[in-house]
Amino acid sequence: MRDLVYSFAPREARTSIQAWLDSAPADPARGWTSAQRAEHVRTEHSTFTWLLEPMLERAGFEVRERSLSDDGIYAAYTCLRV
């Protein structure tokens, strides 16, 4: 599973998300623009790693591998149903 999953503390959300918005390309051909990223944050309700990981385990998955982006915005998980 790969998605926007925040690995920073909730108190860091404002600055971490703003830094991600500020780093967006201006050209939509090169990736999500700042406006597109802001829309995603407003409408998609991404969660934090500390909430998602216990949900995966409670649903019967074992997290075998986890990769977090340096900016704390993206996460990738390899899970096994146990």
PDB file of N, CA and C in Angstrom:
ATOM      1  N   MET A   1       0.840  -1.151   0.000  1.00  0.00           N
ATOM      2  CA  MET A   1       0.000   0.000   0.000  1.00  0.00           C
ATOM      3  C   MET A   1       0.899   1.231   0.000  1.00  0.00           C
ATOM      4  N   ARG A   2       0.575   2.189  -0.873  1.00  0.00           N
ATOM      5  CA  ARG A   2       1.296   3.463  -0.922  1.00  0.00           C
ATOM      6  C   ARG A   2       0.268   4.587  -0.922  1.00  0.00           C
ATOM      7  N   ASP A   3       0.492   5.576  -0.088  1.00  0.00           N
ATOM      8  CA  ASP A   3      -0.467   6.672  -0.015  1.00  0.00           C
ATOM      9  C   ASP A   3       0.130   7.821   0.781  1.00  0.00           C
ATOM     10  N   LEU A   4      -0.617   8.907   0.855  1.00  0.00           N
ATOM     11  CA  LEU A   4      -0.252   9.980   1.762  1.00  0.00           C
ATOM     12  C   LEU A   4      -0.612   9.514   3.158  1.00  0.00           C
ATOM     13  N   VAL A   5       0.391   9.344   3.970  1.00  0.00           N
ATOM     14  CA  VAL A   5       0.225   8.937   5.366  1.00  0.00           C
ATOM     15  C   VAL A   5       1.250   9.767   6.129  1.00  0.00           C
ATOM     16  N   TYR A   6       0.771  10.554   7.043  1.00  0.00           N
ATOM     17  CA  TYR A   6       1.640  11.491   7.752  1.00  0.00           C
ATOM     18  C   TYR A   6       2.432  10.783   8.857  1.00  0.00           C
ATOM     19  N   SER A   7       3.747  10.947   8.815  1.00  0.00           N
ATOM     20  CA  SER A   7       4.584  10.330   9.844  1.00  0.00           C
ATOM     21  C   SER A   7       5.149  11.363  10.813  1.00  0.00           C
ATOM     22  N   PHE A   8       4.665  12.588  10.733  1.00  0.00           N
ATOM     23  CA  PHE A   8       5.063  13.614  11.692  1.00  0.00           C
ATOM     24  C   PHE A   8       4.016  13.674  12.808  1.00  0.00           C
ATOM     25  N   ALA A   9       4.362  14.346  13.883  1.00  0.00           N
ATOM     26  CA  ALA A   9       3.430  14.500  15.002  1.00  0.00           C
ATOM     27  C   ALA A   9       2.323  15.481  14.610  1.00  0.00           C
ATOM     28  N   PRO A  10       1.121  15.301  15.141  1.00  0.00           N
ATOM     29  CA  PRO A  10       0.031  16.227  14.813  1.00  0.00           C
ATOM     30  C   PRO A  10       0.391  17.699  15.033  1.00  0.00           C
ATOM     31  N   ARG A  11       1.165  17.993  16.048  1.00  0.00           N
ATOM     32  CA  ARG A  11       1.539  19.387  16.312  1.00  0.00           C
ATOM     33  C   ARG A  11       2.446  19.953  15.216  1.00  0.00           C
ATOM     34  N   GLU A  12       3.016  19.079  14.383  1.00  0.00           N
ATOM     35  CA  GLU A  12       3.881  19.507  13.276  1.00  0.00           C
ATOM     36  C   GLU A  12       3.132  19.585  11.947  1.00  0.00           C
ATOM     37  N   ALA A  13       1.837  19.304  11.968  1.00  0.00           N
ATOM     38  CA  ALA A  13       1.061  19.213  10.723  1.00  0.00           C
ATOM     39  C   ALA A  13       1.099  20.508   9.914  1.00  0.00           C
ATOM     40  N   ARG A  14       0.844  21.606  10.553  1.00  0.00           N
ATOM     41  CA  ARG A  14       0.787  22.884   9.822  1.00  0.00           C
ATOM     42  C   ARG A  14       2.085  23.159   9.078  1.00  0.00           C
ATOM     43  N   THR A  15       3.214  23.039   9.750  1.00  0.00           N
ATOM     44  CA  THR A  15       4.491  23.355   9.104  1.00  0.00           C
ATOM     45  C   THR A  15       4.904  22.284   8.101  1.00  0.00           C
ATOM     46  N   SER A  16       4.657  21.015   8.408  1.00  0.00           N
ATOM     47  CA  SER A  16       5.043  19.939   7.490  1.00  0.00           C
ATOM     48  C   SER A  16       4.215  19.978   6.209  1.00  0.00           C
ATOM     49  N   ILE A  17       2.915  20.181   6.350  1.00  0.00           N
ATOM     50  CA  ILE A  17       2.060  20.241   5.161  1.00  0.00           C
ATOM     51  C   ILE A  17       2.366  21.499   4.355  1.00  0.00           C
ATOM     52  N   GLN A  18       2.589  22.621   5.033  1.00  0.00           N
ATOM     53  CA  GLN A  18       2.927  23.851   4.311  1.00  0.00           C
ATOM     54  C   GLN A  18       4.229  23.689   3.534  1.00  0.00           C
ATOM     55  N   ALA A  19       5.219  23.034   4.115  1.00  0.00           N
ATOM     56  CA  ALA A  19       6.482  22.792   3.405  1.00  0.00           C
ATOM     57  C   ALA A  19       6.249  21.930   2.174  1.00  0.00           C
ATOM     58  N   TRP A  20       5.363  20.935   2.287  1.00  0.00           N
ATOM     59  CA  TRP A  20       5.034  20.079   1.144  1.00  0.00           C
ATOM     60  C   TRP A  20       4.332  20.888   0.070  1.00  0.00           C
ATOM     61  N   LEU A  21       3.394  21.744   0.459  1.00  0.00           N
ATOM     62  CA  LEU A  21       2.707  22.598  -0.518  1.00  0.00           C
ATOM     63  C   LEU A  21       3.701  23.528  -1.203  1.00  0.00           C
ATOM     64  N   ASP A  22       4.608  24.101  -0.426  1.00  0.00           N
ATOM     65  CA  ASP A  22       5.593  25.035  -0.969  1.00  0.00           C
ATOM     66  C   ASP A  22       6.577  24.366  -1.932  1.00  0.00           C
ATOM     67  N   SER A  23       6.788  23.066  -1.788  1.00  0.00           N
ATOM     68  CA  SER A  23       7.747  22.356  -2.640  1.00  0.00           C
ATOM     69  C   SER A  23       7.122  21.827  -3.937  1.00  0.00           C
ATOM     70  N   ALA A  24       5.843  22.087  -4.151  1.00  0.00           N
ATOM     71  CA  ALA A  24       5.147  21.570  -5.335  1.00  0.00           C
ATOM     72  C   ALA A  24       5.633  22.263  -6.607  1.00  0.00           C
ATOM     73  N   PRO A  25       5.642  21.521  -7.703  1.00  0.00           N
ATOM     74  CA  PRO A  25       6.015  22.160  -8.968  1.00  0.00           C
ATOM     75  C   PRO A  25       4.914  23.112  -9.441  1.00  0.00           C
ATOM     76  N   ALA A  26       5.298  24.152 -10.156  1.00  0.00           N
ATOM     77  CA  ALA A  26       4.319  25.087 -10.718  1.00  0.00           C
ATOM     78  C   ALA A  26       3.645  24.505 -11.959  1.00  0.00           C
ATOM     79  N   ASP A  27       4.366  23.647 -12.668  1.00  0.00           N
ATOM     80  CA  ASP A  27       3.873  23.044 -13.911  1.00  0.00           C
ATOM     81  C   ASP A  27       3.181  21.720 -13.602  1.00  0.00           C
ATOM     82  N   PRO A  28       1.878  21.599 -13.860  1.00  0.00           N
ATOM     83  CA  PRO A  28       1.171  20.348 -13.557  1.00  0.00           C
ATOM     84  C   PRO A  28       1.682  19.149 -14.357  1.00  0.00           C
ATOM     85  N   ALA A  29       2.424  19.393 -15.414  1.00  0.00           N
ATOM     86  CA  ALA A  29       3.020  18.289 -16.170  1.00  0.00           C
ATOM     87  C   ALA A  29       4.150  17.638 -15.388  1.00  0.00           C
ATOM     88  N   ARG A  30       4.665  18.329 -14.375  1.00  0.00           N
ATOM     89  CA  ARG A  30       5.771  17.808 -13.574  1.00  0.00           C
ATOM     90  C   ARG A  30       5.316  17.194 -12.261  1.00  0.00           C
ATOM     91  N   GLY A  31       4.010  17.270 -11.955  1.00  0.00           N
ATOM     92  CA  GLY A  31       3.473  16.711 -10.720  1.00  0.00           C
ATOM     93  C   GLY A  31       2.362  17.574 -10.175  1.00  0.00           C
ATOM     94  N   TRP A  32       1.838  17.161  -9.034  1.00  0.00           N
ATOM     95  CA  TRP A  32       0.761  17.930  -8.404  1.00  0.00           C
ATOM     96  C   TRP A  32       1.240  19.336  -8.067  1.00  0.00           C
ATOM     97  N   THR A  33       0.443  20.326  -8.436  1.00  0.00           N
ATOM     98  CA  THR A  33       0.749  21.709  -8.074  1.00  0.00           C
ATOM     99  C   THR A  33       0.374  21.935  -6.614  1.00  0.00           C
ATOM    100  N   SER A  34       0.757  23.080  -6.094  1.00  0.00           N
ATOM    101  CA  SER A  34       0.424  23.417  -4.716  1.00  0.00           C
ATOM    102  C   SER A  34      -1.096  23.425  -4.507  1.00  0.00           C
ATOM    103  N   ALA A  35      -1.829  23.982  -5.454  1.00  0.00           N
ATOM    104  CA  ALA A  35      -3.294  24.018  -5.346  1.00  0.00           C
ATOM    105  C   ALA A  35      -3.881  22.606  -5.352  1.00  0.00           C
ATOM    106  N   GLN A  36      -3.339  21.729  -6.186  1.00  0.00           N
ATOM    107  CA  GLN A  36      -3.822  20.344  -6.227  1.00  0.00           C
ATOM    108  C   GLN A  36      -3.503  19.617  -4.929  1.00  0.00           C
ATOM    109  N   ARG A  37      -2.322  19.845  -4.407  1.00  0.00           N
ATOM    110  CA  ARG A  37      -1.954  19.223  -3.130  1.00  0.00           C
ATOM    111  C   ARG A  37      -2.854  19.732  -2.005  1.00  0.00           C
ATOM    112  N   ALA A  38      -3.109  21.024  -1.981  1.00  0.00           N
ATOM    113  CA  ALA A  38      -3.974  21.598  -0.944  1.00  0.00           C
ATOM    114  C   ALA A  38      -5.377  21.009  -1.041  1.00  0.00           C
ATOM    115  N   GLU A  39      -5.877  20.841  -2.250  1.00  0.00           N
ATOM    116  CA  GLU A  39      -7.204  20.227  -2.437  1.00  0.00           C
ATOM    117  C   GLU A  39      -7.207  18.802  -1.897  1.00  0.00           C
ATOM    118  N   HIS A  40      -6.141  18.072  -2.143  1.00  0.00           N
ATOM    119  CA  HIS A  40      -6.047  16.705  -1.632  1.00  0.00           C
ATOM    120  C   HIS A  40      -6.082  16.691  -0.103  1.00  0.00           C
ATOM    121  N   VAL A  41      -5.328  17.572   0.518  1.00  0.00           N
ATOM    122  CA  VAL A  41      -5.305  17.628   1.985  1.00  0.00           C
ATOM    123  C   VAL A  41      -6.696  17.947   2.525  1.00  0.00           C
ATOM    124  N   ARG A  42      -7.394  18.866   1.864  1.00  0.00           N
ATOM    125  CA  ARG A  42      -8.738  19.261   2.327  1.00  0.00           C
ATOM    126  C   ARG A  42      -9.777  18.172   2.144  1.00  0.00           C
ATOM    127  N   THR A  43      -9.671  17.375   1.092  1.00  0.00           N
ATOM    128  CA  THR A  43     -10.772  16.463   0.741  1.00  0.00           C
ATOM    129  C   THR A  43     -10.506  14.986   0.989  1.00  0.00           C
ATOM    130  N   GLU A  44      -9.271  14.572   1.079  1.00  0.00           N
ATOM    131  CA  GLU A  44      -8.976  13.139   1.168  1.00  0.00           C
ATOM    132  C   GLU A  44      -8.809  12.624   2.594  1.00  0.00           C
ATOM    133  N   HIS A  45      -8.620  13.495   3.545  1.00  0.00           N
ATOM    134  CA  HIS A  45      -8.533  13.105   4.954  1.00  0.00           C
ATOM    135  C   HIS A  45      -7.490  12.009   5.206  1.00  0.00           C
ATOM    136  N   SER A  46      -6.283  12.253   4.746  1.00  0.00           N
ATOM    137  CA  SER A  46      -5.191  11.307   4.986  1.00  0.00           C
ATOM    138  C   SER A  46      -4.962  11.170   6.487  1.00  0.00           C
ATOM    139  N   THR A  47      -4.380  10.053   6.886  1.00  0.00           N
ATOM    140  CA  THR A  47      -4.215   9.770   8.307  1.00  0.00           C
ATOM    141  C   THR A  47      -2.744   9.749   8.690  1.00  0.00           C
ATOM    142  N   PHE A  48      -2.503   9.497   9.945  1.00  0.00           N
ATOM    143  CA  PHE A  48      -1.155   9.421  10.489  1.00  0.00           C
ATOM    144  C   PHE A  48      -0.727   7.962  10.624  1.00  0.00           C
ATOM    145  N   THR A  49       0.583   7.743  10.577  1.00  0.00           N
ATOM    146  CA  THR A  49       1.108   6.382  10.720  1.00  0.00           C
ATOM    147  C   THR A  49       0.684   5.757  12.043  1.00  0.00           C
ATOM    148  N   TRP A  50       0.652   6.563  13.109  1.00  0.00           N
ATOM    149  CA  TRP A  50       0.330   6.035  14.443  1.00  0.00           C
ATOM    150  C   TRP A  50      -1.140   5.621  14.556  1.00  0.00           C
ATOM    151  N   LEU A  51      -1.971   6.030  13.600  1.00  0.00           N
ATOM    152  CA  LEU A  51      -3.359   5.560  13.545  1.00  0.00           C
ATOM    153  C   LEU A  51      -3.515   4.406  12.554  1.00  0.00           C
ATOM    154  N   LEU A  52      -2.872   4.522  11.406  1.00  0.00           N
ATOM    155  CA  LEU A  52      -3.027   3.520  10.357  1.00  0.00           C
ATOM    156  C   LEU A  52      -2.417   2.173  10.731  1.00  0.00           C
ATOM    157  N   GLU A  53      -1.234   2.192  11.290  1.00  0.00           N
ATOM    158  CA  GLU A  53      -0.539   0.929  11.563  1.00  0.00           C
ATOM    159  C   GLU A  53      -1.301   0.032  12.545  1.00  0.00           C
ATOM    160  N   PRO A  54      -1.840   0.545  13.641  1.00  0.00           N
ATOM    161  CA  PRO A  54      -2.656  -0.324  14.502  1.00  0.00           C
ATOM    162  C   PRO A  54      -3.926  -0.833  13.800  1.00  0.00           C
ATOM    163  N   MET A  55      -4.477  -0.025  12.896  1.00  0.00           N
ATOM    164  CA  MET A  55      -5.657  -0.492  12.148  1.00  0.00           C
ATOM    165  C   MET A  55      -5.294  -1.653  11.237  1.00  0.00           C
ATOM    166  N   LEU A  56      -4.143  -1.569  10.577  1.00  0.00           N
ATOM    167  CA  LEU A  56      -3.700  -2.678   9.731  1.00  0.00           C
ATOM    168  C   LEU A  56      -3.550  -3.947  10.559  1.00  0.00           C
ATOM    169  N   GLU A  57      -2.904  -3.824  11.699  1.00  0.00           N
ATOM    170  CA  GLU A  57      -2.694  -4.990  12.563  1.00  0.00           C
ATOM    171  C   GLU A  57      -4.020  -5.543  13.074  1.00  0.00           C
ATOM    172  N   ARG A  58      -4.916  -4.672  13.488  1.00  0.00           N
ATOM    173  CA  ARG A  58      -6.216  -5.118  13.995  1.00  0.00           C
ATOM    174  C   ARG A  58      -7.036  -5.800  12.899  1.00  0.00           C
ATOM    175  N   ALA A  59      -6.820  -5.406  11.643  1.00  0.00           N
ATOM    176  CA  ALA A  59      -7.508  -6.019  10.513  1.00  0.00           C
ATOM    177  C   ALA A  59      -6.870  -7.334  10.091  1.00  0.00           C
ATOM    178  N   GLY A  60      -5.817  -7.738  10.782  1.00  0.00           N
ATOM    179  CA  GLY A  60      -5.195  -9.024  10.516  1.00  0.00           C
ATOM    180  C   GLY A  60      -3.991  -8.990   9.602  1.00  0.00           C
ATOM    181  N   PHE A  61      -3.377  -7.833   9.444  1.00  0.00           N
ATOM    182  CA  PHE A  61      -2.190  -7.713   8.612  1.00  0.00           C
ATOM    183  C   PHE A  61      -0.947  -7.550   9.475  1.00  0.00           C
ATOM    184  N   GLU A  62       0.115  -8.151   9.027  1.00  0.00           N
ATOM    185  CA  GLU A  62       1.423  -7.949   9.645  1.00  0.00           C
ATOM    186  C   GLU A  62       2.216  -7.032   8.727  1.00  0.00           C
ATOM    187  N   VAL A  63       2.684  -5.929   9.266  1.00  0.00           N
ATOM    188  CA  VAL A  63       3.499  -5.008   8.486  1.00  0.00           C
ATOM    189  C   VAL A  63       4.892  -5.610   8.356  1.00  0.00           C
ATOM    190  N   ARG A  64       5.252  -5.976   7.154  1.00  0.00           N
ATOM    191  CA  ARG A  64       6.560  -6.587   6.901  1.00  0.00           C
ATOM    192  C   ARG A  64       7.617  -5.551   6.565  1.00  0.00           C
ATOM    193  N   GLU A  65       7.176  -4.482   5.901  1.00  0.00           N
ATOM    194  CA  GLU A  65       8.120  -3.445   5.498  1.00  0.00           C
ATOM    195  C   GLU A  65       7.383  -2.116   5.479  1.00  0.00           C
ATOM    196  N   ARG A  66       8.082  -1.069   5.914  1.00  0.00           N
ATOM    197  CA  ARG A  66       7.508   0.268   5.930  1.00  0.00           C
ATOM    198  C   ARG A  66       8.559   1.238   5.430  1.00  0.00           C
ATOM    199  N   SER A  67       8.157   2.099   4.532  1.00  0.00           N
ATOM    200  CA  SER A  67       9.051   3.119   4.005  1.00  0.00           C
ATOM    201  C   SER A  67       8.356   4.470   4.150  1.00  0.00           C
ATOM    202  N   LEU A  68       9.041   5.413   4.774  1.00  0.00           N
ATOM    203  CA  LEU A  68       8.482   6.744   4.994  1.00  0.00           C
ATOM    204  C   LEU A  68       9.313   7.772   4.246  1.00  0.00           C
ATOM    205  N   SER A  69       8.656   8.725   3.629  1.00  0.00           N
ATOM    206  CA  SER A  69       9.384   9.789   2.927  1.00  0.00           C
ATOM    207  C   SER A  69      10.044  10.717   3.941  1.00  0.00           C
ATOM    208  N   ASP A  70      11.107  11.362   3.525  1.00  0.00           N
ATOM    209  CA  ASP A  70      11.840  12.268   4.406  1.00  0.00           C
ATOM    210  C   ASP A  70      10.993  13.444   4.874  1.00  0.00           C
ATOM    211  N   ASP A  71      10.022  13.852   4.050  1.00  0.00           N
ATOM    212  CA  ASP A  71       9.182  14.997   4.423  1.00  0.00           C
ATOM    213  C   ASP A  71       8.007  14.606   5.312  1.00  0.00           C
ATOM    214  N   GLY A  72       7.844  13.307   5.578  1.00  0.00           N
ATOM    215  CA  GLY A  72       6.774  12.850   6.458  1.00  0.00           C
ATOM    216  C   GLY A  72       5.409  12.811   5.814  1.00  0.00           C
ATOM    217  N   ILE A  73       5.344  12.892   4.499  1.00  0.00           N
ATOM    218  CA  ILE A  73       4.058  12.965   3.799  1.00  0.00           C
ATOM    219  C   ILE A  73       3.626  11.610   3.230  1.00  0.00           C
ATOM    220  N   TYR A  74       4.541  10.842   2.708  1.00  0.00           N
ATOM    221  CA  TYR A  74       4.199   9.578   2.048  1.00  0.00           C
ATOM    222  C   TYR A  74       4.675   8.374   2.861  1.00  0.00           C
ATOM    223  N   ALA A  75       3.929   7.296   2.739  1.00  0.00           N
ATOM    224  CA  ALA A  75       4.338   6.033   3.356  1.00  0.00           C
ATOM    225  C   ALA A  75       3.996   4.894   2.400  1.00  0.00           C
ATOM    226  N   ALA A  76       4.798   3.865   2.451  1.00  0.00           N
ATOM    227  CA  ALA A  76       4.543   2.650   1.674  1.00  0.00           C
ATOM    228  C   ALA A  76       4.677   1.470   2.632  1.00  0.00           C
ATOM    229  N   TYR A  77       3.751   0.548   2.530  1.00  0.00           N
ATOM    230  CA  TYR A  77       3.730  -0.620   3.404  1.00  0.00           C
ATOM    231  C   TYR A  77       3.655  -1.887   2.571  1.00  0.00           C
ATOM    232  N   THR A  78       4.394  -2.882   2.996  1.00  0.00           N
ATOM    233  CA  THR A  78       4.228  -4.241   2.503  1.00  0.00           C
ATOM    234  C   THR A  78       3.681  -5.023   3.671  1.00  0.00           C
ATOM    235  N   CYS A  79       2.490  -5.589   3.484  1.00  0.00           N
ATOM    236  CA  CYS A  79       1.813  -6.286   4.566  1.00  0.00           C
ATOM    237  C   CYS A  79       1.496  -7.720   4.153  1.00  0.00           C
ATOM    238  N   LEU A  80       1.351  -8.559   5.145  1.00  0.00           N
ATOM    239  CA  LEU A  80       0.975  -9.950   4.943  1.00  0.00           C
ATOM    240  C   LEU A  80      -0.243 -10.238   5.797  1.00  0.00           C
ATOM    241  N   ARG A  81      -1.247 -10.832   5.195  1.00  0.00           N
ATOM    242  CA  ARG A  81      -2.453 -11.203   5.947  1.00  0.00           C
ATOM    243  C   ARG A  81      -2.104 -12.418   6.787  1.00  0.00           C
ATOM    244  N   VAL A  82      -2.266 -12.304   8.116  1.00  0.00           N
ATOM    245  CA  VAL A  82      -1.927 -13.415   9.021  1.00  0.00           C
ATOM    246  C   VAL A  82      -3.169 -14.062   9.578  1.00  0.00           C
TER     247      VAL A  82
END
